[in-house]
């Protein structure tokens, strides 16, 4: 690796002179600056982040805080991260990935050093402990998520409350009046994770508006956990005709459990999901679903942060409207015994 001392020897100057050229802290003659730049180009020297920060107050690095916590569906997180990375490169930035569960300490580390120009924050909780520091930080940040109080923050996310309501609207329009929600793992709700809580709030509001009876069961994504939850649902509410799943890992176990129980989808029970299109479209029964627009979220977050770094005033909240795609997993509610209706 080429060092600053190598550049100094090649240019015939002191290391401090090279440092002054990089930092701009002292006036150096044009001829000396040109000789040093020629040496930098010839040797392929790349200043480290701290040197770039001294030179212009910028590192061209964005910090992505993506804590890998219990209950998260990592493929979706990585899809968002890839969109962030490719969009950042298109704007001339690299991405520093922070996956530890450091909470506020990660914000302090980025803010108190020269390692990044700004922050993108994922897995946002309703009362996220990172928020006070983000509001006060000199470096701009964008949240992929929506806390309970987004004042003074720059947020982008799917409108999960509207997504939950859209699913209920669809099922109610098909005549379903008893609905059960298979939600995220219990740990996700225990943290107060924003997207899960907001989806549930939208489901509850729409269910009340349509007169739909509702059960909610958090569930781990294993076959055993899903089987136990589904069995309990139909024991408690035998007339349940629709299931809403917001848990990508539980999708295939759920469909397998229903097959094992002899319940046809959608003739006996309809299933709707909030999940990425690739999960819904490639399920063993293609799922009617509100898509989680992972790539759009990553792209928009970077574009908003880059705009902030360029001096644009864009803080605020941007919620993407839900898009529901109807596939093979939903149909009219089956006739209740004795109501005189038959199935086609």
C-alpha atoms as a PDB file:
ATOM      1  CA  UNK A   1       0.000   0.000   0.000  1.00  0.00           C
ATOM      2  CA  UNK A   2       1.370   3.406  -1.011  1.00  0.00           C
ATOM      3  CA  UNK A   3       1.845   5.731   1.971  1.00  0.00           C
ATOM      4  CA  UNK A   4       2.063   9.474   2.395  1.00  0.00           C
ATOM      5  CA  UNK A   5       5.821   9.061   3.042  1.00  0.00           C
ATOM      6  CA  UNK A   6       6.169   7.297  -0.339  1.00  0.00           C
ATOM      7  CA  UNK A   7       4.514  10.265  -2.050  1.00  0.00           C
ATOM      8  CA  UNK A   8       6.827  12.671  -0.218  1.00  0.00           C
ATOM      9  CA  UNK A   9       9.981  10.777  -1.326  1.00  0.00           C
ATOM     10  CA  UNK A  10       8.735  10.559  -4.917  1.00  0.00           C
ATOM     11  CA  UNK A  11       7.961  14.288  -5.034  1.00  0.00           C
ATOM     12  CA  UNK A  12      11.154  15.287  -3.226  1.00  0.00           C
ATOM     13  CA  UNK A  13       9.361  17.085  -0.411  1.00  0.00           C
ATOM     14  CA  UNK A  14       8.713  16.487   3.260  1.00  0.00           C
ATOM     15  CA  UNK A  15       5.811  14.393   4.492  1.00  0.00           C
ATOM     16  CA  UNK A  16       4.427  17.475   6.238  1.00  0.00           C
ATOM     17  CA  UNK A  17       4.287  19.324   2.919  1.00  0.00           C
ATOM     18  CA  UNK A  18       2.236  16.509   1.395  1.00  0.00           C
ATOM     19  CA  UNK A  19      -0.032  16.618   4.440  1.00  0.00           C
ATOM     20  CA  UNK A  20      -0.494  20.382   4.049  1.00  0.00           C
ATOM     21  CA  UNK A  21      -1.475  19.943   0.405  1.00  0.00           C
ATOM     22  CA  UNK A  22      -4.025  17.287   1.332  1.00  0.00           C
ATOM     23  CA  UNK A  23      -5.460  19.260   4.228  1.00  0.00           C
ATOM     24  CA  UNK A  24      -5.277  22.716   2.698  1.00  0.00           C
ATOM     25  CA  UNK A  25      -4.155  24.062   6.075  1.00  0.00           C
ATOM     26  CA  UNK A  26      -1.149  25.977   4.661  1.00  0.00           C
ATOM     27  CA  UNK A  27      -0.510  27.807   1.451  1.00  0.00           C
ATOM     28  CA  UNK A  28       1.765  25.763  -0.791  1.00  0.00           C
ATOM     29  CA  UNK A  29       3.114  27.023  -4.101  1.00  0.00           C
ATOM     30  CA  UNK A  30       1.316  25.939  -7.235  1.00  0.00           C
ATOM     31  CA  UNK A  31       4.445  24.246  -8.586  1.00  0.00           C
ATOM     32  CA  UNK A  32       4.884  22.158  -5.410  1.00  0.00           C
ATOM     33  CA  UNK A  33       1.199  21.217  -5.330  1.00  0.00           C
ATOM     34  CA  UNK A  34       1.419  20.119  -8.950  1.00  0.00           C
ATOM     35  CA  UNK A  35       4.541  18.022  -8.280  1.00  0.00           C
ATOM     36  CA  UNK A  36       2.859  16.344  -5.318  1.00  0.00           C
ATOM     37  CA  UNK A  37      -0.297  15.674  -7.328  1.00  0.00           C
ATOM     38  CA  UNK A  38       1.807  14.135 -10.110  1.00  0.00           C
ATOM     39  CA  UNK A  39       3.400  11.830  -7.547  1.00  0.00           C
ATOM     40  CA  UNK A  40       0.004  10.902  -6.118  1.00  0.00           C
ATOM     41  CA  UNK A  41      -1.247  10.039  -9.601  1.00  0.00           C
ATOM     42  CA  UNK A  42       1.922   8.129 -10.537  1.00  0.00           C
ATOM     43  CA  UNK A  43       1.951   6.028  -7.363  1.00  0.00           C
ATOM     44  CA  UNK A  44      -1.803   5.535  -7.151  1.00  0.00           C
ATOM     45  CA  UNK A  45      -1.931   6.943  -3.615  1.00  0.00           C
ATOM     46  CA  UNK A  46      -5.357   7.078  -2.003  1.00  0.00           C
ATOM     47  CA  UNK A  47      -5.698   9.167   1.153  1.00  0.00           C
ATOM     48  CA  UNK A  48      -7.486   7.358   3.975  1.00  0.00           C
ATOM     49  CA  UNK A  49     -10.836   8.625   5.215  1.00  0.00           C
ATOM     50  CA  UNK A  50      -9.290  10.856   7.867  1.00  0.00           C
ATOM     51  CA  UNK A  51      -7.040  12.566   5.327  1.00  0.00           C
ATOM     52  CA  UNK A  52      -9.919  13.126   2.918  1.00  0.00           C
ATOM     53  CA  UNK A  53     -11.974  14.578   5.758  1.00  0.00           C
ATOM     54  CA  UNK A  54      -9.143  16.997   6.611  1.00  0.00           C
ATOM     55  CA  UNK A  55      -8.861  18.032   2.973  1.00  0.00           C
ATOM     56  CA  UNK A  56     -12.463  18.940   2.366  1.00  0.00           C
ATOM     57  CA  UNK A  57     -14.595  17.952   5.312  1.00  0.00           C
ATOM     58  CA  UNK A  58     -15.893  14.962   3.327  1.00  0.00           C
ATOM     59  CA  UNK A  59     -15.010  11.289   3.171  1.00  0.00           C
ATOM     60  CA  UNK A  60     -17.393  10.268   0.371  1.00  0.00           C
ATOM     61  CA  UNK A  61     -18.516   7.480   2.703  1.00  0.00           C
ATOM     62  CA  UNK A  62     -22.035   6.878   4.003  1.00  0.00           C
ATOM     63  CA  UNK A  63     -22.532   4.888   7.202  1.00  0.00           C
ATOM     64  CA  UNK A  64     -25.312   2.299   7.030  1.00  0.00           C
ATOM     65  CA  UNK A  65     -26.553   1.248  10.469  1.00  0.00           C
ATOM     66  CA  UNK A  66     -28.182  -2.132   9.948  1.00  0.00           C
ATOM     67  CA  UNK A  67     -28.169  -4.003  13.272  1.00  0.00           C
ATOM     68  CA  UNK A  68     -28.709  -7.719  12.663  1.00  0.00           C
ATOM     69  CA  UNK A  69     -31.134  -8.424  15.480  1.00  0.00           C
ATOM     70  CA  UNK A  70     -33.236 -11.425  16.413  1.00  0.00           C
ATOM     71  CA  UNK A  71     -36.344 -11.854  14.278  1.00  0.00           C
ATOM     72  CA  UNK A  72     -35.169  -9.893  11.249  1.00  0.00           C
ATOM     73  CA  UNK A  73     -35.558 -11.395   7.789  1.00  0.00           C
ATOM     74  CA  UNK A  74     -32.004 -10.885   6.555  1.00  0.00           C
ATOM     75  CA  UNK A  75     -32.661 -11.277   2.768  1.00  0.00           C
ATOM     76  CA  UNK A  76     -34.900  -8.192   2.785  1.00  0.00           C
ATOM     77  CA  UNK A  77     -32.379  -6.220   4.815  1.00  0.00           C
ATOM     78  CA  UNK A  78     -29.628  -7.194   2.387  1.00  0.00           C
ATOM     79  CA  UNK A  79     -31.759  -6.239  -0.618  1.00  0.00           C
ATOM     80  CA  UNK A  80     -32.167  -2.786   0.873  1.00  0.00           C
ATOM     81  CA  UNK A  81     -28.443  -2.659   1.643  1.00  0.00           C
ATOM     82  CA  UNK A  82     -27.541  -3.600  -1.951  1.00  0.00           C
ATOM     83  CA  UNK A  83     -29.795  -0.845  -3.300  1.00  0.00           C
ATOM     84  CA  UNK A  84     -28.120   1.596  -0.925  1.00  0.00           C
ATOM     85  CA  UNK A  85     -24.670   0.487  -2.050  1.00  0.00           C
ATOM     86  CA  UNK A  86     -25.339   0.679  -5.796  1.00  0.00           C
ATOM     87  CA  UNK A  87     -27.097   4.043  -5.531  1.00  0.00           C
ATOM     88  CA  UNK A  88     -24.324   5.429  -3.339  1.00  0.00           C
ATOM     89  CA  UNK A  89     -21.692   4.377  -5.883  1.00  0.00           C
ATOM     90  CA  UNK A  90     -23.667   6.083  -8.639  1.00  0.00           C
ATOM     91  CA  UNK A  91     -23.340   9.274  -6.581  1.00  0.00           C
ATOM     92  CA  UNK A  92     -19.634   8.776  -5.893  1.00  0.00           C
ATOM     93  CA  UNK A  93     -19.950   7.413  -2.357  1.00  0.00           C
ATOM     94  CA  UNK A  94     -18.903   4.195  -0.670  1.00  0.00           C
ATOM     95  CA  UNK A  95     -20.868   2.565   2.159  1.00  0.00           C
ATOM     96  CA  UNK A  96     -19.606   1.599   5.594  1.00  0.00           C
ATOM     97  CA  UNK A  97     -21.827  -1.174   6.994  1.00  0.00           C
ATOM     98  CA  UNK A  98     -22.379  -1.215  10.776  1.00  0.00           C
ATOM     99  CA  UNK A  99     -24.221  -4.374  11.825  1.00  0.00           C
ATOM    100  CA  UNK A 100     -23.619  -4.409  15.579  1.00  0.00           C
ATOM    101  CA  UNK A 101     -26.353  -3.778  18.127  1.00  0.00           C
ATOM    102  CA  UNK A 102     -24.589  -0.672  19.418  1.00  0.00           C
ATOM    103  CA  UNK A 103     -27.607   1.634  19.523  1.00  0.00           C
ATOM    104  CA  UNK A 104     -26.683   5.236  20.407  1.00  0.00           C
ATOM    105  CA  UNK A 105     -23.001   4.333  20.628  1.00  0.00           C
ATOM    106  CA  UNK A 106     -22.882   3.746  16.861  1.00  0.00           C
ATOM    107  CA  UNK A 107     -24.261   7.241  16.276  1.00  0.00           C
ATOM    108  CA  UNK A 108     -21.686   8.712  18.658  1.00  0.00           C
ATOM    109  CA  UNK A 109     -18.899   6.835  16.881  1.00  0.00           C
ATOM    110  CA  UNK A 110     -19.849   8.157  13.440  1.00  0.00           C
ATOM    111  CA  UNK A 111     -20.611  11.651  14.668  1.00  0.00           C
ATOM    112  CA  UNK A 112     -17.429  11.938  16.708  1.00  0.00           C
ATOM    113  CA  UNK A 113     -15.077  10.783  13.961  1.00  0.00           C
ATOM    114  CA  UNK A 114     -14.321  11.419  10.322  1.00  0.00           C
ATOM    115  CA  UNK A 115     -15.362   8.006   9.073  1.00  0.00           C
ATOM    116  CA  UNK A 116     -18.544   9.042   7.227  1.00  0.00           C
ATOM    117  CA  UNK A 117     -20.348  12.096   5.888  1.00  0.00           C
ATOM    118  CA  UNK A 118     -23.834  10.952   6.849  1.00  0.00           C
ATOM    119  CA  UNK A 119     -25.872   8.075   8.192  1.00  0.00           C
ATOM    120  CA  UNK A 120     -28.658   5.804   6.947  1.00  0.00           C
ATOM    121  CA  UNK A 121     -30.431   4.110   9.845  1.00  0.00           C
ATOM    122  CA  UNK A 122     -32.457   0.887   9.564  1.00  0.00           C
ATOM    123  CA  UNK A 123     -34.593  -1.248  11.900  1.00  0.00           C
ATOM    124  CA  UNK A 124     -36.149   1.825  13.475  1.00  0.00           C
ATOM    125  CA  UNK A 125     -38.105   1.369  16.685  1.00  0.00           C
ATOM    126  CA  UNK A 126     -41.096   3.508  17.671  1.00  0.00           C
ATOM    127  CA  UNK A 127     -39.111   4.932  20.592  1.00  0.00           C
ATOM    128  CA  UNK A 128     -35.652   4.362  19.176  1.00  0.00           C
ATOM    129  CA  UNK A 129     -32.860   5.342  21.611  1.00  0.00           C
ATOM    130  CA  UNK A 130     -30.768   6.625  18.691  1.00  0.00           C
ATOM    131  CA  UNK A 131     -33.223   9.404  17.843  1.00  0.00           C
ATOM    132  CA  UNK A 132     -32.115  12.130  20.309  1.00  0.00           C
ATOM    133  CA  UNK A 133     -28.531  11.871  19.066  1.00  0.00           C
ATOM    134  CA  UNK A 134     -29.590  11.850  15.415  1.00  0.00           C
ATOM    135  CA  UNK A 135     -31.630  15.028  15.933  1.00  0.00           C
ATOM    136  CA  UNK A 136     -28.624  16.810  17.406  1.00  0.00           C
ATOM    137  CA  UNK A 137     -25.938  15.413  15.087  1.00  0.00           C
ATOM    138  CA  UNK A 138     -24.034  17.676  12.719  1.00  0.00           C
ATOM    139  CA  UNK A 139     -23.879  14.944  10.134  1.00  0.00           C
ATOM    140  CA  UNK A 140     -27.194  14.406   8.308  1.00  0.00           C
ATOM    141  CA  UNK A 141     -29.095  11.148   8.565  1.00  0.00           C
ATOM    142  CA  UNK A 142     -31.986   9.391   6.842  1.00  0.00           C
ATOM    143  CA  UNK A 143     -34.095   6.749   8.561  1.00  0.00           C
ATOM    144  CA  UNK A 144     -35.560   3.817   6.670  1.00  0.00           C
ATOM    145  CA  UNK A 145     -38.454   3.506   9.056  1.00  0.00           C
ATOM    146  CA  UNK A 146     -40.846   5.732  10.962  1.00  0.00           C
ATOM    147  CA  UNK A 147     -40.671   6.296  14.728  1.00  0.00           C
ATOM    148  CA  UNK A 148     -43.608   7.379  16.855  1.00  0.00           C
ATOM    149  CA  UNK A 149     -42.351  10.977  16.752  1.00  0.00           C
ATOM    150  CA  UNK A 150     -40.592  11.771  13.464  1.00  0.00           C
ATOM    151  CA  UNK A 151     -40.229  15.514  14.204  1.00  0.00           C
ATOM    152  CA  UNK A 152     -36.851  16.828  13.122  1.00  0.00           C
ATOM    153  CA  UNK A 153     -35.944  13.620  11.302  1.00  0.00           C
ATOM    154  CA  UNK A 154     -35.676  12.604   7.657  1.00  0.00           C
ATOM    155  CA  UNK A 155     -37.630   9.358   7.171  1.00  0.00           C
ATOM    156  CA  UNK A 156     -38.592   7.148   4.237  1.00  0.00           C
ATOM    157  CA  UNK A 157     -40.609   3.945   4.449  1.00  0.00           C
ATOM    158  CA  UNK A 158     -43.513   1.994   3.071  1.00  0.00           C
ATOM    159  CA  UNK A 159     -46.779   3.227   4.561  1.00  0.00           C
ATOM    160  CA  UNK A 160     -47.177   0.049   6.587  1.00  0.00           C
ATOM    161  CA  UNK A 161     -50.367   1.217   8.294  1.00  0.00           C
ATOM    162  CA  UNK A 162     -51.959   1.743   4.891  1.00  0.00           C
ATOM    163  CA  UNK A 163     -50.527  -1.612   3.745  1.00  0.00           C
ATOM    164  CA  UNK A 164     -52.223  -3.448   6.607  1.00  0.00           C
ATOM    165  CA  UNK A 165     -55.487  -1.642   5.928  1.00  0.00           C
ATOM    166  CA  UNK A 166     -55.253  -2.411   2.204  1.00  0.00           C
ATOM    167  CA  UNK A 167     -55.005  -6.141   2.939  1.00  0.00           C
ATOM    168  CA  UNK A 168     -58.085  -6.031   5.171  1.00  0.00           C
ATOM    169  CA  UNK A 169     -60.007  -3.991   2.594  1.00  0.00           C
ATOM    170  CA  UNK A 170     -59.254  -6.647  -0.030  1.00  0.00           C
ATOM    171  CA  UNK A 171     -60.361  -9.527   2.170  1.00  0.00           C
ATOM    172  CA  UNK A 172     -63.469  -7.750   3.430  1.00  0.00           C
ATOM    173  CA  UNK A 173     -64.426  -7.038  -0.175  1.00  0.00           C
ATOM    174  CA  UNK A 174     -64.359 -10.788  -0.783  1.00  0.00           C
ATOM    175  CA  UNK A 175     -66.746 -11.375   2.081  1.00  0.00           C
ATOM    176  CA  UNK A 176     -64.297 -12.485   4.783  1.00  0.00           C
ATOM    177  CA  UNK A 177     -65.396 -11.578   8.286  1.00  0.00           C
ATOM    178  CA  UNK A 178     -62.979 -13.580  10.447  1.00  0.00           C
ATOM    179  CA  UNK A 179     -59.296 -12.815   9.979  1.00  0.00           C
ATOM    180  CA  UNK A 180     -56.145 -13.941  11.777  1.00  0.00           C
ATOM    181  CA  UNK A 181     -52.770 -12.231  11.477  1.00  0.00           C
ATOM    182  CA  UNK A 182     -49.570 -14.260  11.612  1.00  0.00           C
ATOM    183  CA  UNK A 183     -47.122 -11.564  12.550  1.00  0.00           C
ATOM    184  CA  UNK A 184     -43.409 -11.140  13.014  1.00  0.00           C
ATOM    185  CA  UNK A 185     -41.526 -13.083  15.708  1.00  0.00           C
ATOM    186  CA  UNK A 186     -42.293 -12.002  19.294  1.00  0.00           C
ATOM    187  CA  UNK A 187     -38.872 -10.324  19.641  1.00  0.00           C
ATOM    188  CA  UNK A 188     -39.770  -7.842  16.897  1.00  0.00           C
ATOM    189  CA  UNK A 189     -42.849  -6.631  18.788  1.00  0.00           C
ATOM    190  CA  UNK A 190     -40.981  -6.668  22.102  1.00  0.00           C
ATOM    191  CA  UNK A 191     -38.550  -4.096  20.658  1.00  0.00           C
ATOM    192  CA  UNK A 192     -41.390  -1.909  19.449  1.00  0.00           C
ATOM    193  CA  UNK A 193     -40.178  -2.179  15.856  1.00  0.00           C
ATOM    194  CA  UNK A 194     -41.979   0.487  13.867  1.00  0.00           C
ATOM    195  CA  UNK A 195     -43.024  -1.314  10.682  1.00  0.00           C
ATOM    196  CA  UNK A 196     -44.587  -4.261  12.546  1.00  0.00           C
ATOM    197  CA  UNK A 197     -46.513  -2.095  14.979  1.00  0.00           C
ATOM    198  CA  UNK A 198     -47.716   0.251  12.249  1.00  0.00           C
ATOM    199  CA  UNK A 199     -48.953  -2.634  10.079  1.00  0.00           C
ATOM    200  CA  UNK A 200     -50.897  -4.041  13.005  1.00  0.00           C
ATOM    201  CA  UNK A 201     -52.412  -0.632  13.753  1.00  0.00           C
ATOM    202  CA  UNK A 202     -53.628  -0.352  10.156  1.00  0.00           C
ATOM    203  CA  UNK A 203     -55.056  -3.872  10.235  1.00  0.00           C
ATOM    204  CA  UNK A 204     -56.930  -3.203  13.459  1.00  0.00           C
ATOM    205  CA  UNK A 205     -58.413   0.082  12.252  1.00  0.00           C
ATOM    206  CA  UNK A 206     -59.602  -1.437   8.958  1.00  0.00           C
ATOM    207  CA  UNK A 207     -60.971  -4.548  10.679  1.00  0.00           C
ATOM    208  CA  UNK A 208     -63.018  -2.382  13.014  1.00  0.00           C
ATOM    209  CA  UNK A 209     -64.297  -0.291  10.107  1.00  0.00           C
ATOM    210  CA  UNK A 210     -65.409  -3.414   8.187  1.00  0.00           C
ATOM    211  CA  UNK A 211     -66.750  -5.308  11.193  1.00  0.00           C
ATOM    212  CA  UNK A 212     -64.112  -8.032  10.764  1.00  0.00           C
ATOM    213  CA  UNK A 213     -63.212 -10.187  13.775  1.00  0.00           C
ATOM    214  CA  UNK A 214     -59.460 -10.238  14.326  1.00  0.00           C
ATOM    215  CA  UNK A 215     -56.822 -12.380  15.996  1.00  0.00           C
ATOM    216  CA  UNK A 216     -53.113 -11.533  16.056  1.00  0.00           C
ATOM    217  CA  UNK A 217     -50.449 -14.152  16.681  1.00  0.00           C
ATOM    218  CA  UNK A 218     -46.717 -13.283  16.622  1.00  0.00           C
ATOM    219  CA  UNK A 219     -44.843 -16.309  15.373  1.00  0.00           C
ATOM    220  CA  UNK A 220     -41.317 -17.520  14.700  1.00  0.00           C
ATOM    221  CA  UNK A 221     -40.793 -18.657  11.134  1.00  0.00           C
ATOM    222  CA  UNK A 222     -40.296 -22.364  11.832  1.00  0.00           C
ATOM    223  CA  UNK A 223     -42.725 -25.073  10.738  1.00  0.00           C
ATOM    224  CA  UNK A 224     -43.344 -26.116  14.342  1.00  0.00           C
ATOM    225  CA  UNK A 225     -44.124 -22.568  15.499  1.00  0.00           C
ATOM    226  CA  UNK A 226     -46.386 -21.844  12.529  1.00  0.00           C
ATOM    227  CA  UNK A 227     -48.186 -25.174  12.913  1.00  0.00           C
ATOM    228  CA  UNK A 228     -48.869 -24.505  16.592  1.00  0.00           C
ATOM    229  CA  UNK A 229     -50.126 -20.990  15.863  1.00  0.00           C
ATOM    230  CA  UNK A 230     -52.420 -22.046  12.999  1.00  0.00           C
ATOM    231  CA  UNK A 231     -53.843 -24.963  14.977  1.00  0.00           C
ATOM    232  CA  UNK A 232     -54.601 -22.652  17.878  1.00  0.00           C
ATOM    233  CA  UNK A 233     -56.241 -20.086  15.584  1.00  0.00           C
ATOM    234  CA  UNK A 234     -58.684 -22.594  14.109  1.00  0.00           C
ATOM    235  CA  UNK A 235     -59.410 -24.044  17.535  1.00  0.00           C
ATOM    236  CA  UNK A 236     -60.228 -20.613  18.955  1.00  0.00           C
ATOM    237  CA  UNK A 237     -61.986 -19.287  15.846  1.00  0.00           C
ATOM    238  CA  UNK A 238     -63.275 -22.213  13.750  1.00  0.00           C
ATOM    239  CA  UNK A 239     -64.932 -19.802  11.339  1.00  0.00           C
ATOM    240  CA  UNK A 240     -61.678 -18.088  10.336  1.00  0.00           C
ATOM    241  CA  UNK A 241     -61.585 -17.822   6.548  1.00  0.00           C
ATOM    242  CA  UNK A 242     -58.579 -15.577   5.931  1.00  0.00           C
ATOM    243  CA  UNK A 243     -54.990 -15.262   7.130  1.00  0.00           C
ATOM    244  CA  UNK A 244     -52.709 -12.241   6.785  1.00  0.00           C
ATOM    245  CA  UNK A 245     -49.016 -13.002   7.151  1.00  0.00           C
ATOM    246  CA  UNK A 246     -46.308 -10.415   7.784  1.00  0.00           C
ATOM    247  CA  UNK A 247     -43.357 -12.705   8.279  1.00  0.00           C
ATOM    248  CA  UNK A 248     -41.430 -13.780   5.205  1.00  0.00           C
ATOM    249  CA  UNK A 249     -39.878 -16.797   6.913  1.00  0.00           C
ATOM    250  CA  UNK A 250     -43.337 -18.099   7.854  1.00  0.00           C
ATOM    251  CA  UNK A 251     -44.805 -18.037   4.327  1.00  0.00           C
ATOM    252  CA  UNK A 252     -43.833 -21.528   3.140  1.00  0.00           C
ATOM    253  CA  UNK A 253     -44.355 -23.171   6.544  1.00  0.00           C
ATOM    254  CA  UNK A 254     -47.847 -21.655   6.616  1.00  0.00           C
ATOM    255  CA  UNK A 255     -48.779 -22.992   3.193  1.00  0.00           C
ATOM    256  CA  UNK A 256     -47.365 -26.405   4.117  1.00  0.00           C
ATOM    257  CA  UNK A 257     -49.365 -26.475   7.371  1.00  0.00           C
ATOM    258  CA  UNK A 258     -52.579 -25.615   5.549  1.00  0.00           C
ATOM    259  CA  UNK A 259     -51.959 -28.414   3.045  1.00  0.00           C
ATOM    260  CA  UNK A 260     -51.272 -30.848   5.861  1.00  0.00           C
ATOM    261  CA  UNK A 261     -54.523 -29.833   7.569  1.00  0.00           C
ATOM    262  CA  UNK A 262     -56.464 -30.364   4.340  1.00  0.00           C
ATOM    263  CA  UNK A 263     -57.334 -26.677   3.922  1.00  0.00           C
ATOM    264  CA  UNK A 264     -57.310 -25.568   0.286  1.00  0.00           C
ATOM    265  CA  UNK A 265     -56.031 -22.097  -0.621  1.00  0.00           C
ATOM    266  CA  UNK A 266     -58.084 -20.078  -1.441  1.00  0.00           C
ATOM    267  CA  UNK A 267     -61.204 -22.273  -1.461  1.00  0.00           C
ATOM    268  CA  UNK A 268     -61.153 -22.939   2.305  1.00  0.00           C
ATOM    269  CA  UNK A 269     -58.933 -20.111   3.505  1.00  0.00           C
ATOM    270  CA  UNK A 270     -57.528 -17.065   1.754  1.00  0.00           C
ATOM    271  CA  UNK A 271     -53.982 -15.896   2.440  1.00  0.00           C
ATOM    272  CA  UNK A 272     -52.646 -12.382   1.902  1.00  0.00           C
ATOM    273  CA  UNK A 273     -49.140 -11.160   2.764  1.00  0.00           C
ATOM    274  CA  UNK A 274     -47.042  -8.075   3.303  1.00  0.00           C
ATOM    275  CA  UNK A 275     -43.695  -9.120   1.814  1.00  0.00           C
ATOM    276  CA  UNK A 276     -41.332  -8.595  -1.136  1.00  0.00           C
ATOM    277  CA  UNK A 277     -42.647  -9.550  -4.565  1.00  0.00           C
ATOM    278  CA  UNK A 278     -40.104 -12.343  -5.022  1.00  0.00           C
ATOM    279  CA  UNK A 279     -41.362 -14.057  -1.867  1.00  0.00           C
ATOM    280  CA  UNK A 280     -45.027 -13.696  -2.843  1.00  0.00           C
ATOM    281  CA  UNK A 281     -44.704 -14.561  -6.515  1.00  0.00           C
ATOM    282  CA  UNK A 282     -42.549 -17.655  -5.964  1.00  0.00           C
ATOM    283  CA  UNK A 283     -44.460 -19.154  -3.049  1.00  0.00           C
ATOM    284  CA  UNK A 284     -45.924 -22.640  -3.580  1.00  0.00           C
ATOM    285  CA  UNK A 285     -49.273 -20.843  -3.935  1.00  0.00           C
ATOM    286  CA  UNK A 286     -48.561 -17.408  -5.468  1.00  0.00           C
ATOM    287  CA  UNK A 287     -49.658 -14.948  -2.808  1.00  0.00           C
ATOM    288  CA  UNK A 288     -51.831 -11.896  -3.055  1.00  0.00           C
ATOM    289  CA  UNK A 289     -49.555  -9.372  -1.370  1.00  0.00           C
ATOM    290  CA  UNK A 290     -48.617  -5.802  -0.655  1.00  0.00           C
ATOM    291  CA  UNK A 291     -45.037  -5.600  -1.795  1.00  0.00           C
ATOM    292  CA  UNK A 292     -42.238  -4.334   0.431  1.00  0.00           C
ATOM    293  CA  UNK A 293     -40.349  -2.094  -2.033  1.00  0.00           C
ATOM    294  CA  UNK A 294     -36.867  -2.830  -0.714  1.00  0.00           C
ATOM    295  CA  UNK A 295     -34.941  -1.449  -3.682  1.00  0.00           C
ATOM    296  CA  UNK A 296     -36.972   1.761  -3.780  1.00  0.00           C
ATOM    297  CA  UNK A 297     -36.423   2.331  -0.066  1.00  0.00           C
ATOM    298  CA  UNK A 298     -32.666   1.961  -0.394  1.00  0.00           C
ATOM    299  CA  UNK A 299     -32.469   4.176  -3.463  1.00  0.00           C
ATOM    300  CA  UNK A 300     -34.625   6.966  -2.035  1.00  0.00           C
ATOM    301  CA  UNK A 301     -32.749   6.963   1.275  1.00  0.00           C
ATOM    302  CA  UNK A 302     -29.437   7.539  -0.506  1.00  0.00           C
ATOM    303  CA  UNK A 303     -30.882  10.196  -2.807  1.00  0.00           C
ATOM    304  CA  UNK A 304     -32.293  12.094   0.164  1.00  0.00           C
ATOM    305  CA  UNK A 305     -29.016  11.869   2.075  1.00  0.00           C
ATOM    306  CA  UNK A 306     -26.924  12.971  -0.904  1.00  0.00           C
ATOM    307  CA  UNK A 307     -29.298  15.899  -1.398  1.00  0.00           C
ATOM    308  CA  UNK A 308     -28.835  16.832   2.256  1.00  0.00           C
ATOM    309  CA  UNK A 309     -25.053  16.673   1.866  1.00  0.00           C
ATOM    310  CA  UNK A 310     -25.400  18.996  -1.109  1.00  0.00           C
ATOM    311  CA  UNK A 311     -27.206  21.575   0.999  1.00  0.00           C
ATOM    312  CA  UNK A 312     -30.803  20.790   0.042  1.00  0.00           C
ATOM    313  CA  UNK A 313     -33.443  21.140   2.750  1.00  0.00           C
ATOM    314  CA  UNK A 314     -35.310  17.833   2.465  1.00  0.00           C
ATOM    315  CA  UNK A 315     -35.934  16.600   6.014  1.00  0.00           C
ATOM    316  CA  UNK A 316     -39.368  15.195   6.644  1.00  0.00           C
ATOM    317  CA  UNK A 317     -41.258  11.970   6.059  1.00  0.00           C
ATOM    318  CA  UNK A 318     -41.879  10.189   2.773  1.00  0.00           C
ATOM    319  CA  UNK A 319     -44.201   7.172   2.982  1.00  0.00           C
ATOM    320  CA  UNK A 320     -44.532   5.094  -0.165  1.00  0.00           C
ATOM    321  CA  UNK A 321     -48.150   4.096  -0.902  1.00  0.00           C
ATOM    322  CA  UNK A 322     -48.885   0.363  -0.727  1.00  0.00           C
ATOM    323  CA  UNK A 323     -49.329  -1.609  -3.921  1.00  0.00           C
ATOM    324  CA  UNK A 324     -51.411  -4.785  -3.632  1.00  0.00           C
ATOM    325  CA  UNK A 325     -51.033  -7.450  -6.326  1.00  0.00           C
ATOM    326  CA  UNK A 326     -53.828 -10.033  -6.493  1.00  0.00           C
ATOM    327  CA  UNK A 327     -52.624 -13.580  -7.134  1.00  0.00           C
ATOM    328  CA  UNK A 328     -53.957 -17.092  -6.585  1.00  0.00           C
ATOM    329  CA  UNK A 329     -54.127 -17.124  -2.784  1.00  0.00           C
ATOM    330  CA  UNK A 330     -57.293 -15.065  -2.222  1.00  0.00           C
ATOM    331  CA  UNK A 331     -60.886 -15.686  -3.223  1.00  0.00           C
ATOM    332  CA  UNK A 332     -64.462 -15.285  -1.973  1.00  0.00           C
ATOM    333  CA  UNK A 333     -65.140 -16.340   1.580  1.00  0.00           C
ATOM    334  CA  UNK A 334     -66.478 -19.906   1.692  1.00  0.00           C
ATOM    335  CA  UNK A 335     -70.118 -20.374   2.525  1.00  0.00           C
ATOM    336  CA  UNK A 336     -70.882 -20.904   6.185  1.00  0.00           C
ATOM    337  CA  UNK A 337     -72.673 -24.200   6.918  1.00  0.00           C
ATOM    338  CA  UNK A 338     -76.393 -23.820   6.454  1.00  0.00           C
ATOM    339  CA  UNK A 339     -76.385 -20.404   4.779  1.00  0.00           C
ATOM    340  CA  UNK A 340     -77.588 -21.809   1.460  1.00  0.00           C
ATOM    341  CA  UNK A 341     -74.517 -20.764  -0.540  1.00  0.00           C
ATOM    342  CA  UNK A 342     -72.462 -23.277  -2.410  1.00  0.00           C
ATOM    343  CA  UNK A 343     -68.978 -23.112  -3.841  1.00  0.00           C
ATOM    344  CA  UNK A 344     -68.468 -23.132  -7.585  1.00  0.00           C
END
